[in-house]
Protein backbone atom coordinates (compact mmCIF):
# COMPACT_ATOMS: atom_id res chain seq x y z
CA MET A 1 -5.51 3.08 44.21
CA ALA A 2 -2.25 5.06 44.25
CA GLY A 3 -0.71 2.77 41.63
CA ALA A 4 -3.50 3.58 39.21
CA TYR A 5 -2.06 7.09 38.82
CA ASN A 6 1.63 6.15 38.64
CA TYR A 7 2.23 7.53 35.15
CA THR A 8 3.73 10.57 33.44
CA TYR A 9 1.04 11.03 30.77
CA ILE A 10 -2.15 9.48 29.46
CA PHE A 11 -2.62 9.64 25.68
CA LYS A 12 -6.06 9.15 24.16
CA TYR A 13 -6.13 7.16 20.90
CA ILE A 14 -8.97 6.43 18.50
CA ILE A 15 -8.90 3.70 15.84
CA ILE A 16 -10.96 4.57 12.77
CA GLY A 17 -11.68 3.09 9.35
CA ASP A 18 -14.22 0.99 7.47
CA MET A 19 -15.85 -2.13 8.90
CA GLY A 20 -13.76 -5.28 8.50
CA VAL A 21 -10.34 -3.65 8.05
CA GLY A 22 -9.07 -5.27 11.26
CA LYS A 23 -9.24 -2.43 13.79
CA SER A 24 -10.18 -4.67 16.71
CA CYS A 25 -7.69 -7.34 15.65
CA LEU A 26 -4.90 -4.74 15.60
CA LEU A 27 -5.85 -3.73 19.13
CA HIS A 28 -5.90 -7.36 20.30
CA GLN A 29 -2.55 -8.05 18.67
CA PHE A 30 -1.01 -5.02 20.36
CA THR A 31 -2.42 -5.72 23.82
CA GLU A 32 -2.40 -9.53 23.86
CA GLN A 33 0.02 -10.46 21.05
CA LYS A 34 -2.65 -12.50 19.34
CA CYS A 35 -5.37 -12.03 16.75
CA THR A 36 -8.74 -13.51 17.60
CA ARG A 37 -10.91 -14.90 14.84
CA ARG A 38 -14.19 -14.53 16.71
CA SER A 39 -16.53 -11.69 15.85
CA LEU A 40 -15.73 -8.72 18.06
CA SER A 41 -18.82 -6.62 17.30
CA PRO A 42 -17.02 -3.27 16.94
CA HIS A 43 -19.97 -1.19 18.08
CA SER A 44 -19.92 -2.98 21.43
CA TRP A 45 -16.52 -1.36 21.98
CA LEU A 46 -17.92 1.94 20.80
CA ILE A 47 -20.62 2.18 23.44
CA ALA A 48 -18.52 0.74 26.28
CA LEU A 49 -18.35 2.94 29.36
CA THR A 50 -14.57 2.55 29.64
CA PRO A 51 -11.91 2.31 26.93
CA LEU A 52 -8.98 -0.06 26.98
CA VAL A 53 -6.19 1.44 29.10
CA LEU A 54 -2.66 0.12 28.59
CA SER A 55 0.58 1.07 30.37
CA LEU A 56 3.85 1.50 28.49
CA GLU A 57 6.49 0.76 31.13
CA PRO A 58 10.01 2.29 31.06
CA ALA A 59 11.44 -1.00 32.34
CA SER A 60 10.16 -2.91 29.33
CA SER A 61 10.70 -2.65 25.59
CA ARG A 62 7.27 -1.04 25.27
CA HIS A 63 7.96 2.47 26.48
CA VAL A 64 8.25 5.98 25.09
CA CYS A 65 11.54 7.80 25.67
CA GLY A 66 11.87 6.36 29.17
CA GLN A 67 8.47 7.68 30.25
CA LYS A 68 5.63 5.69 31.79
CA ILE A 69 2.64 6.42 29.58
CA LYS A 70 -0.88 5.05 29.63
CA LEU A 71 -2.76 4.67 26.37
CA GLN A 72 -6.52 5.10 26.51
CA ILE A 73 -7.65 3.43 23.29
CA TRP A 74 -11.13 3.79 21.81
CA ASP A 75 -11.93 1.20 19.13
CA THR A 76 -14.76 2.64 17.04
CA ALA A 77 -17.36 1.08 14.76
CA GLY A 78 -16.78 1.30 11.02
CA GLN A 79 -20.36 0.87 9.84
CA GLU A 80 -21.89 3.96 8.22
CA ARG A 81 -24.92 3.85 10.53
CA PHE A 82 -22.61 4.44 13.51
CA ARG A 83 -20.64 7.32 11.98
CA ALA A 84 -22.59 10.05 13.78
CA VAL A 85 -21.94 8.38 17.13
CA THR A 86 -18.32 7.60 16.26
CA ARG A 87 -17.61 11.27 15.57
CA SER A 88 -18.23 12.12 19.23
CA TYR A 89 -15.17 10.01 20.09
CA TYR A 90 -12.79 12.11 18.00
CA ARG A 91 -12.90 14.96 20.49
CA GLY A 92 -9.81 15.10 22.66
CA ALA A 93 -7.84 12.46 20.75
CA ALA A 94 -4.06 12.89 20.79
CA GLY A 95 -3.59 10.08 18.27
CA ALA A 96 -5.71 8.57 15.52
CA LEU A 97 -4.95 5.27 13.79
CA LEU A 98 -6.57 5.38 10.35
CA VAL A 99 -6.87 1.81 9.04
CA TYR A 100 -7.64 0.35 5.62
CA ASP A 101 -7.46 -3.19 4.19
CA ILE A 102 -4.76 -3.59 1.51
CA CYS A 103 -6.96 -6.28 -0.10
CA ARG A 104 -10.10 -4.11 -0.42
CA ARG A 105 -9.72 -0.97 -2.51
CA SER A 106 -13.06 0.36 -1.31
CA THR A 107 -11.63 0.75 2.21
CA TYR A 108 -8.72 2.72 0.74
CA ASN A 109 -11.06 4.88 -1.32
CA HIS A 110 -12.94 5.85 1.83
CA LEU A 111 -9.80 7.09 3.61
CA GLN A 112 -10.32 10.70 2.60
CA SER A 113 -13.73 10.77 4.25
CA TRP A 114 -12.32 9.33 7.49
CA LEU A 115 -9.38 11.73 7.33
CA ASN A 116 -11.69 14.71 6.83
CA ASP A 117 -13.59 13.72 9.98
CA ALA A 118 -10.36 13.32 11.92
CA ARG A 119 -9.00 16.68 10.79
CA ASN A 120 -12.28 18.51 11.40
CA LEU A 121 -13.07 16.98 14.80
CA THR A 122 -9.67 16.73 16.51
CA ASN A 123 -7.11 19.37 17.41
CA PRO A 124 -4.62 20.49 14.70
CA ASN A 125 -1.75 18.62 16.38
CA THR A 126 -3.43 15.22 16.62
CA VAL A 127 -1.01 12.59 15.32
CA ILE A 128 -2.67 10.61 12.52
CA PHE A 129 -1.09 7.28 11.58
CA LEU A 130 -2.16 5.60 8.33
CA ILE A 131 -2.18 1.80 8.59
CA GLY A 132 -2.52 -0.60 5.68
CA ASN A 133 -3.57 -3.82 7.42
CA LYS A 134 -3.44 -7.47 6.30
CA SER A 135 0.04 -7.31 4.77
CA ASP A 136 0.23 -11.09 5.22
CA LEU A 137 -2.24 -11.42 2.32
CA GLU A 138 0.19 -10.17 -0.32
CA ALA A 139 -1.29 -12.40 -3.03
CA GLN A 140 -4.66 -10.68 -2.59
CA ARG A 141 -3.28 -7.13 -2.51
CA ASP A 142 -5.52 -4.53 -4.17
CA VAL A 143 -3.75 -1.36 -2.99
CA THR A 144 -0.04 -0.87 -3.67
CA THR A 145 2.35 0.29 -0.99
CA GLU A 146 3.53 3.09 -3.26
CA GLU A 147 0.11 4.70 -3.75
CA ALA A 148 -0.69 4.48 -0.05
CA LYS A 149 2.65 6.07 0.81
CA GLN A 150 1.92 8.84 -1.67
CA PHE A 151 -1.48 9.45 -0.01
CA ALA A 152 0.28 9.60 3.36
CA ASP A 153 2.92 12.03 2.10
CA GLU A 154 0.33 14.29 0.48
CA ASN A 155 -1.66 14.43 3.72
CA ASN A 156 1.28 14.61 6.15
CA LEU A 157 0.54 11.23 7.72
CA ILE A 158 2.84 8.60 9.17
CA PHE A 159 2.43 5.31 7.27
CA LEU A 160 3.04 1.62 7.89
CA GLU A 161 1.65 -1.64 6.57
CA THR A 162 0.79 -4.13 9.29
CA SER A 163 -0.52 -7.62 9.82
CA ALA A 164 -2.82 -8.15 12.78
CA LYS A 165 -2.50 -11.87 12.12
CA THR A 166 1.30 -12.15 12.34
CA GLY A 167 1.90 -9.03 14.42
CA ALA A 168 4.17 -7.44 11.81
CA ASN A 169 4.61 -3.69 12.53
CA VAL A 170 1.58 -3.59 14.86
CA GLU A 171 3.54 -2.58 17.95
CA ASP A 172 5.52 -0.07 15.89
CA ALA A 173 2.35 1.69 14.77
CA PHE A 174 1.05 2.19 18.30
CA LEU A 175 4.43 3.12 19.80
CA GLU A 176 5.51 5.45 16.99
CA THR A 177 2.23 7.34 17.41
CA ALA A 178 3.00 7.73 21.13
CA LYS A 179 6.56 8.86 20.40
CA GLN A 180 5.32 11.53 18.00
CA ILE A 181 2.80 12.78 20.56
CA TYR A 182 5.56 12.93 23.16
CA GLN A 183 7.78 14.83 20.72
CA ASN A 184 4.97 17.34 20.16
CA ILE A 185 4.83 17.86 23.91
CA GLN A 186 8.59 18.32 24.13
CA ASP A 187 8.81 20.87 21.31
CA GLY A 188 5.79 22.81 22.58
CA SER A 189 3.57 22.26 19.55
CA LEU A 190 0.99 20.47 21.71
CA ASP A 191 -0.59 22.67 24.36
CA LEU A 192 -1.33 20.51 27.39
CA ASN A 193 -3.54 23.24 28.82
CA ALA A 194 -5.91 22.95 25.87
CA ALA A 195 -9.04 20.99 26.76
CA GLU A 196 -8.88 19.00 23.51
CA SER A 197 -5.17 18.11 23.58
CA GLY A 198 -5.89 14.44 24.28
CA VAL A 199 -3.06 14.33 26.82
CA GLN A 200 -3.39 14.21 30.59
CA GLN A 201 -0.37 14.78 32.81
CA LYS A 202 0.15 12.85 36.01
CA SER A 203 -2.81 13.45 38.29
CA GLN A 204 -2.03 15.36 41.45
CA SER A 205 -5.51 15.17 42.92
CA GLY A 206 -6.34 11.54 42.11
CA SER A 207 -9.25 12.55 39.91
CA VAL A 208 -10.03 10.30 36.95
CA PRO A 209 -8.24 11.70 33.85
CA LEU A 210 -9.44 12.00 30.29
CA SER A 211 -13.03 11.08 31.14
CA GLU A 212 -13.19 7.32 31.10
CA LYS A 213 -16.91 7.49 30.42
CA ALA A 214 -18.34 7.41 26.96
CA PRO A 215 -18.55 10.88 25.36
CA GLY A 216 -21.75 12.69 26.17
CA LYS A 217 -22.66 10.29 28.99
CA SER A 218 -23.08 11.62 32.50
CA GLY A 219 -24.03 8.30 34.10
CA CYS A 220 -24.36 4.60 33.47
CA CYS A 221 -26.10 3.28 30.37
């Protein structure tokens, strides 16, 4: 089991946004370089006992400033009836990917509500990355790049448009979030001693970091 703890940091991510914006497809594209068309049932990810854990290796192109970092990624449900449960996953998140569908203005209009939750329920230094997904559907665009960029600037968010289908900018979104978290560690703006920092340094004792159980659960479902 020694190899399981061969890392410098673990960063906890959450992916939030309305149902159908492509949150699970973005995750699949990042981890498997493909977008699946089958229904992923987002809430099945939400109640899973363990999140997806991915290593960013220094020896590969997917690394952060030469560090070996593990990403613990929680893909949350976007349906309103799951919002109360979803909010429990915000706690201790170092990064939040806030996703909308460029072809559905309603998902863009709901961003402020999701952002309010993220700001209220995470620590002040959580890196929030705004993602406009489905950029491959330019002909069906309902939200302009300019207005989304303005929203990002006004709310101090990092912004990219992505395509979970083609993979455009997907890796950049995940890796740039990690780089910003690492920068916050380096400049001291992120306190690693804070319980809600969302960052776990290399384990010295071999204990399981960043609780890999679902929030609020003390045992198996």
